[in-house]
Amino acid sequence: MTRTMIDLWLRAMNPLMLPRGMAEAQRSARSMVIGLGIALIVGLIPTWWMFTSGWFDTAMSAEYARMGLSSDQVAMQREFMKVIWPYAIGFGAIFSVLLYGVLAVVQWRMMTRAIPIIMLALMAYSLVANLGMRLLGSMPAPELPLWILLTTWPAAAVSTVIYVASLQGAMLLHRLRSEP
């Protein structure tokens, strides 16, 4: 990839630089695929860590204690979870890859406004819900490693910026297509 092509794609992913024509609008709308890829990769890594490191087991043990379950009930829950974990992780990862893959293909081909709007709404909901649960104390504050925080927060911010740029490109495309 030449330096010029890289500059064109970086311009397309910048929401402060509005697309100037059809080609730039298409590239900007298609940049959504890059944002989806970043979100998928950065979302799968910490999820895998949470389920394989024992963090989730510790959080569940604290929840069992808070619920006041007997030792037999806790043992039954732990055995049930041992059976479920491989399937939950595997199917969750497969579902995420398929969902993001379908969204990426549809956005690349159709350059629609709907997918950026949906992803921005989900990002906003996630932020508000996460902050609300933490402030209300209904979500246990996880002791996540620093590397997870240093990858997920910046990656979410970069993805959100790309989603905004993609929405701008898709909106310009819609206007250009509807003009006589």
C-alpha atoms as a PDB file:
ATOM      1  CA  MET A   1       0.000   0.000   0.000  1.00  0.00           C
ATOM      2  CA  THR A   2       1.478   3.326  -0.997  1.00  0.00           C
ATOM      3  CA  ARG A   3       1.796   6.284   1.291  1.00  0.00           C
ATOM      4  CA  THR A   4      -0.877   8.146  -0.686  1.00  0.00           C
ATOM      5  CA  MET A   5      -3.396   5.341  -0.155  1.00  0.00           C
ATOM      6  CA  ILE A   6      -2.661   5.275   3.579  1.00  0.00           C
ATOM      7  CA  ASP A   7      -3.174   9.057   3.727  1.00  0.00           C
ATOM      8  CA  LEU A   8      -6.500   8.707   1.907  1.00  0.00           C
ATOM      9  CA  TRP A   9      -7.758   6.079   4.375  1.00  0.00           C
ATOM     10  CA  LEU A  10      -6.560   8.071   7.393  1.00  0.00           C
ATOM     11  CA  ARG A  11      -8.402  11.108   6.015  1.00  0.00           C
ATOM     12  CA  ALA A  12     -11.509   8.950   5.552  1.00  0.00           C
ATOM     13  CA  MET A  13     -11.400   7.879   9.210  1.00  0.00           C
ATOM     14  CA  ASN A  14     -11.065  11.454  10.499  1.00  0.00           C
ATOM     15  CA  PRO A  15     -14.466  12.905  11.424  1.00  0.00           C
ATOM     16  CA  LEU A  16     -13.010  16.433  11.456  1.00  0.00           C
ATOM     17  CA  MET A  17     -12.316  16.221   7.715  1.00  0.00           C
ATOM     18  CA  LEU A  18     -15.627  15.995   5.910  1.00  0.00           C
ATOM     19  CA  PRO A  19     -15.650  14.038   2.643  1.00  0.00           C
ATOM     20  CA  ARG A  20     -15.348  16.300  -0.415  1.00  0.00           C
ATOM     21  CA  GLY A  21     -16.890  14.050  -3.038  1.00  0.00           C
ATOM     22  CA  MET A  22     -18.285  10.652  -3.939  1.00  0.00           C
ATOM     23  CA  ALA A  23     -14.966   8.772  -3.724  1.00  0.00           C
ATOM     24  CA  GLU A  24     -14.091  10.221  -0.332  1.00  0.00           C
ATOM     25  CA  ALA A  25     -17.603   9.592   0.956  1.00  0.00           C
ATOM     26  CA  GLN A  26     -17.410   5.955  -0.153  1.00  0.00           C
ATOM     27  CA  ARG A  27     -14.013   5.496   1.455  1.00  0.00           C
ATOM     28  CA  SER A  28     -15.257   7.153   4.637  1.00  0.00           C
ATOM     29  CA  ALA A  29     -18.380   4.965   4.768  1.00  0.00           C
ATOM     30  CA  ARG A  30     -16.262   1.866   4.155  1.00  0.00           C
ATOM     31  CA  SER A  31     -13.823   2.825   6.912  1.00  0.00           C
ATOM     32  CA  MET A  32     -16.480   1.420   9.265  1.00  0.00           C
ATOM     33  CA  VAL A  33     -15.011  -2.007   8.472  1.00  0.00           C
ATOM     34  CA  ILE A  34     -11.738  -0.983  10.128  1.00  0.00           C
ATOM     35  CA  GLY A  35     -13.581   0.249  13.229  1.00  0.00           C
ATOM     36  CA  LEU A  36     -15.540  -3.010  13.417  1.00  0.00           C
ATOM     37  CA  GLY A  37     -12.313  -5.009  13.125  1.00  0.00           C
ATOM     38  CA  ILE A  38     -10.674  -3.041  15.919  1.00  0.00           C
ATOM     39  CA  ALA A  39     -13.728  -3.435  18.153  1.00  0.00           C
ATOM     40  CA  LEU A  40     -13.912  -7.185  17.505  1.00  0.00           C
ATOM     41  CA  ILE A  41     -10.259  -7.950  18.151  1.00  0.00           C
ATOM     42  CA  VAL A  42      -9.975  -5.755  21.216  1.00  0.00           C
ATOM     43  CA  GLY A  43     -13.256  -7.122  22.593  1.00  0.00           C
ATOM     44  CA  LEU A  44     -12.322 -10.780  22.210  1.00  0.00           C
ATOM     45  CA  ILE A  45      -8.941 -10.609  23.935  1.00  0.00           C
ATOM     46  CA  PRO A  46     -10.080  -9.331  27.370  1.00  0.00           C
ATOM     47  CA  THR A  47     -13.196 -11.493  27.233  1.00  0.00           C
ATOM     48  CA  TRP A  48     -11.030 -14.561  26.716  1.00  0.00           C
ATOM     49  CA  TRP A  49      -8.769 -13.459  29.593  1.00  0.00           C
ATOM     50  CA  MET A  50     -11.708 -12.919  31.959  1.00  0.00           C
ATOM     51  CA  PHE A  51     -13.011 -16.436  31.370  1.00  0.00           C
ATOM     52  CA  THR A  52      -9.670 -18.273  31.371  1.00  0.00           C
ATOM     53  CA  SER A  53      -7.807 -16.433  34.139  1.00  0.00           C
ATOM     54  CA  GLY A  54     -10.138 -17.345  36.992  1.00  0.00           C
ATOM     55  CA  TRP A  55     -11.392 -13.772  37.329  1.00  0.00           C
ATOM     56  CA  PHE A  56     -14.954 -14.749  36.474  1.00  0.00           C
ATOM     57  CA  ASP A  57     -14.850 -17.711  38.881  1.00  0.00           C
ATOM     58  CA  THR A  58     -13.771 -15.375  41.681  1.00  0.00           C
ATOM     59  CA  ALA A  59     -16.554 -12.916  40.820  1.00  0.00           C
ATOM     60  CA  MET A  60     -19.106 -15.743  40.774  1.00  0.00           C
ATOM     61  CA  SER A  61     -17.883 -17.033  44.145  1.00  0.00           C
ATOM     62  CA  ALA A  62     -18.432 -13.586  45.636  1.00  0.00           C
ATOM     63  CA  GLU A  63     -21.923 -13.510  44.109  1.00  0.00           C
ATOM     64  CA  TYR A  64     -22.744 -16.976  45.515  1.00  0.00           C
ATOM     65  CA  ALA A  65     -21.653 -15.806  48.967  1.00  0.00           C
ATOM     66  CA  ARG A  66     -23.770 -12.680  48.655  1.00  0.00           C
ATOM     67  CA  MET A  67     -26.794 -14.790  47.639  1.00  0.00           C
ATOM     68  CA  GLY A  68     -26.349 -16.978  50.719  1.00  0.00           C
ATOM     69  CA  LEU A  69     -26.189 -20.305  48.848  1.00  0.00           C
ATOM     70  CA  SER A  70     -25.357 -23.461  50.787  1.00  0.00           C
ATOM     71  CA  SER A  71     -22.117 -25.307  50.071  1.00  0.00           C
ATOM     72  CA  ASP A  72     -24.026 -27.971  48.105  1.00  0.00           C
ATOM     73  CA  GLN A  73     -25.672 -25.337  45.943  1.00  0.00           C
ATOM     74  CA  VAL A  74     -22.328 -23.605  45.351  1.00  0.00           C
ATOM     75  CA  ALA A  75     -20.712 -26.923  44.376  1.00  0.00           C
ATOM     76  CA  MET A  76     -23.556 -27.655  41.970  1.00  0.00           C
ATOM     77  CA  GLN A  77     -23.247 -24.185  40.424  1.00  0.00           C
ATOM     78  CA  ARG A  78     -19.477 -24.588  40.006  1.00  0.00           C
ATOM     79  CA  GLU A  79     -19.862 -27.960  38.268  1.00  0.00           C
ATOM     80  CA  PHE A  80     -22.531 -26.527  36.017  1.00  0.00           C
ATOM     81  CA  MET A  81     -20.294 -23.601  35.104  1.00  0.00           C
ATOM     82  CA  LYS A  82     -17.330 -25.913  34.357  1.00  0.00           C
ATOM     83  CA  VAL A  83     -19.468 -27.680  31.781  1.00  0.00           C
ATOM     84  CA  ILE A  84     -20.842 -24.452  30.313  1.00  0.00           C
ATOM     85  CA  TRP A  85     -17.586 -22.417  30.043  1.00  0.00           C
ATOM     86  CA  PRO A  86     -16.083 -23.969  26.910  1.00  0.00           C
ATOM     87  CA  TYR A  87     -19.380 -23.639  25.064  1.00  0.00           C
ATOM     88  CA  ALA A  88     -20.032 -20.112  26.316  1.00  0.00           C
ATOM     89  CA  ILE A  89     -16.580 -18.925  25.266  1.00  0.00           C
ATOM     90  CA  GLY A  90     -16.634 -20.752  21.943  1.00  0.00           C
ATOM     91  CA  PHE A  91     -20.147 -19.792  20.894  1.00  0.00           C
ATOM     92  CA  GLY A  92     -19.689 -16.238  22.132  1.00  0.00           C
ATOM     93  CA  ALA A  93     -16.536 -15.827  20.043  1.00  0.00           C
ATOM     94  CA  ILE A  94     -18.123 -17.453  16.986  1.00  0.00           C
ATOM     95  CA  PHE A  95     -21.229 -15.277  17.319  1.00  0.00           C
ATOM     96  CA  SER A  96     -19.123 -12.115  17.661  1.00  0.00           C
ATOM     97  CA  VAL A  97     -16.979 -12.962  14.631  1.00  0.00           C
ATOM     98  CA  LEU A  98     -20.040 -13.794  12.529  1.00  0.00           C
ATOM     99  CA  LEU A  99     -21.967 -10.698  13.609  1.00  0.00           C
ATOM    100  CA  TYR A 100     -19.089  -8.303  13.039  1.00  0.00           C
ATOM    101  CA  GLY A 101     -18.220 -10.082   9.793  1.00  0.00           C
ATOM    102  CA  VAL A 102     -21.753  -9.722   8.441  1.00  0.00           C
ATOM    103  CA  LEU A 103     -21.886  -6.066   9.516  1.00  0.00           C
ATOM    104  CA  ALA A 104     -18.524  -5.428   7.830  1.00  0.00           C
ATOM    105  CA  VAL A 105     -19.575  -7.078   4.555  1.00  0.00           C
ATOM    106  CA  VAL A 106     -22.901  -5.238   4.476  1.00  0.00           C
ATOM    107  CA  GLN A 107     -21.230  -1.898   5.232  1.00  0.00           C
ATOM    108  CA  TRP A 108     -18.520  -2.449   2.617  1.00  0.00           C
ATOM    109  CA  ARG A 109     -21.048  -3.276  -0.091  1.00  0.00           C
ATOM    110  CA  MET A 110     -23.987  -1.018   0.760  1.00  0.00           C
ATOM    111  CA  MET A 111     -22.266   1.866   2.600  1.00  0.00           C
ATOM    112  CA  THR A 112     -25.387   2.381   4.703  1.00  0.00           C
ATOM    113  CA  ARG A 113     -26.069   4.890   7.469  1.00  0.00           C
ATOM    114  CA  ALA A 114     -27.813   2.307   9.649  1.00  0.00           C
ATOM    115  CA  ILE A 115     -24.769   0.342  10.808  1.00  0.00           C
ATOM    116  CA  PRO A 116     -22.767   3.367  12.035  1.00  0.00           C
ATOM    117  CA  ILE A 117     -25.882   4.696  13.807  1.00  0.00           C
ATOM    118  CA  ILE A 118     -26.504   1.329  15.483  1.00  0.00           C
ATOM    119  CA  MET A 119     -22.878   0.959  16.565  1.00  0.00           C
ATOM    120  CA  LEU A 120     -22.748   4.516  17.924  1.00  0.00           C
ATOM    121  CA  ALA A 121     -25.985   3.894  19.835  1.00  0.00           C
ATOM    122  CA  LEU A 122     -24.546   0.679  21.273  1.00  0.00           C
ATOM    123  CA  MET A 123     -21.362   2.490  22.301  1.00  0.00           C
ATOM    124  CA  ALA A 124     -23.385   5.218  24.019  1.00  0.00           C
ATOM    125  CA  TYR A 125     -25.619   2.664  25.742  1.00  0.00           C
ATOM    126  CA  SER A 126     -22.579   0.679  26.888  1.00  0.00           C
ATOM    127  CA  LEU A 127     -20.938   3.770  28.328  1.00  0.00           C
ATOM    128  CA  VAL A 128     -24.067   4.969  30.135  1.00  0.00           C
ATOM    129  CA  ALA A 129     -24.966   1.486  31.421  1.00  0.00           C
ATOM    130  CA  ASN A 130     -21.435   0.772  32.608  1.00  0.00           C
ATOM    131  CA  LEU A 131     -21.119   4.090  34.416  1.00  0.00           C
ATOM    132  CA  GLY A 132     -24.629   3.759  35.875  1.00  0.00           C
ATOM    133  CA  MET A 133     -24.007   0.267  37.212  1.00  0.00           C
ATOM    134  CA  ARG A 134     -20.703   1.329  38.735  1.00  0.00           C
ATOM    135  CA  LEU A 135     -22.226   4.411  40.362  1.00  0.00           C
ATOM    136  CA  LEU A 136     -25.198   2.451  41.707  1.00  0.00           C
ATOM    137  CA  GLY A 137     -22.966  -0.369  42.912  1.00  0.00           C
ATOM    138  CA  SER A 138     -24.915  -3.061  41.081  1.00  0.00           C
ATOM    139  CA  MET A 139     -21.853  -4.211  39.150  1.00  0.00           C
ATOM    140  CA  PRO A 140     -18.802  -5.631  40.896  1.00  0.00           C
ATOM    141  CA  ALA A 141     -15.761  -3.506  40.195  1.00  0.00           C
ATOM    142  CA  PRO A 142     -13.412  -5.945  38.482  1.00  0.00           C
ATOM    143  CA  GLU A 143      -9.760  -5.954  39.276  1.00  0.00           C
ATOM    144  CA  LEU A 144      -8.703  -5.964  35.651  1.00  0.00           C
ATOM    145  CA  PRO A 145      -5.058  -5.875  34.670  1.00  0.00           C
ATOM    146  CA  LEU A 146      -3.728  -2.576  33.421  1.00  0.00           C
ATOM    147  CA  TRP A 147      -3.025  -4.003  29.956  1.00  0.00           C
ATOM    148  CA  ILE A 148      -6.750  -4.637  29.432  1.00  0.00           C
ATOM    149  CA  LEU A 149      -7.652  -1.071  30.338  1.00  0.00           C
ATOM    150  CA  LEU A 150      -4.824   0.280  28.180  1.00  0.00           C
ATOM    151  CA  THR A 151      -6.113  -1.652  25.164  1.00  0.00           C
ATOM    152  CA  THR A 152      -9.886  -1.507  25.500  1.00  0.00           C
ATOM    153  CA  TRP A 153     -10.484   2.163  26.328  1.00  0.00           C
ATOM    154  CA  PRO A 154      -8.275   3.653  23.591  1.00  0.00           C
ATOM    155  CA  ALA A 155      -9.534   1.077  21.081  1.00  0.00           C
ATOM    156  CA  ALA A 156     -13.150   1.917  21.946  1.00  0.00           C
ATOM    157  CA  ALA A 157     -12.369   5.611  21.486  1.00  0.00           C
ATOM    158  CA  VAL A 158     -10.682   4.974  18.113  1.00  0.00           C
ATOM    159  CA  SER A 159     -13.595   2.788  16.986  1.00  0.00           C
ATOM    160  CA  THR A 160     -16.091   5.463  17.991  1.00  0.00           C
ATOM    161  CA  VAL A 161     -14.181   8.113  16.038  1.00  0.00           C
ATOM    162  CA  ILE A 162     -14.159   5.837  12.983  1.00  0.00           C
ATOM    163  CA  TYR A 163     -17.902   5.182  13.383  1.00  0.00           C
ATOM    164  CA  VAL A 164     -18.571   8.933  13.388  1.00  0.00           C
ATOM    165  CA  ALA A 165     -16.459   9.432  10.243  1.00  0.00           C
ATOM    166  CA  SER A 166     -18.221   6.504   8.585  1.00  0.00           C
ATOM    167  CA  LEU A 167     -21.614   7.968   9.421  1.00  0.00           C
ATOM    168  CA  GLN A 168     -20.579  11.298   7.884  1.00  0.00           C
ATOM    169  CA  GLY A 169     -19.473   9.544   4.703  1.00  0.00           C
ATOM    170  CA  ALA A 170     -22.649   7.462   4.514  1.00  0.00           C
ATOM    171  CA  MET A 171     -24.809  10.546   5.036  1.00  0.00           C
ATOM    172  CA  LEU A 172     -23.028  12.407   2.224  1.00  0.00           C
ATOM    173  CA  LEU A 173     -23.439   9.352  -0.022  1.00  0.00           C
ATOM    174  CA  HIS A 174     -27.150   9.305   0.743  1.00  0.00           C
ATOM    175  CA  ARG A 175     -27.443  12.993  -0.180  1.00  0.00           C
ATOM    176  CA  LEU A 176     -25.417  12.543  -3.375  1.00  0.00           C
ATOM    177  CA  ARG A 177     -27.509   9.539  -4.428  1.00  0.00           C
ATOM    178  CA  SER A 178     -30.805  11.371  -3.845  1.00  0.00           C
ATOM    179  CA  GLU A 179     -29.810  14.437  -5.850  1.00  0.00           C
ATOM    180  CA  PRO A 180     -31.294  14.596  -9.331  1.00  0.00           C
END
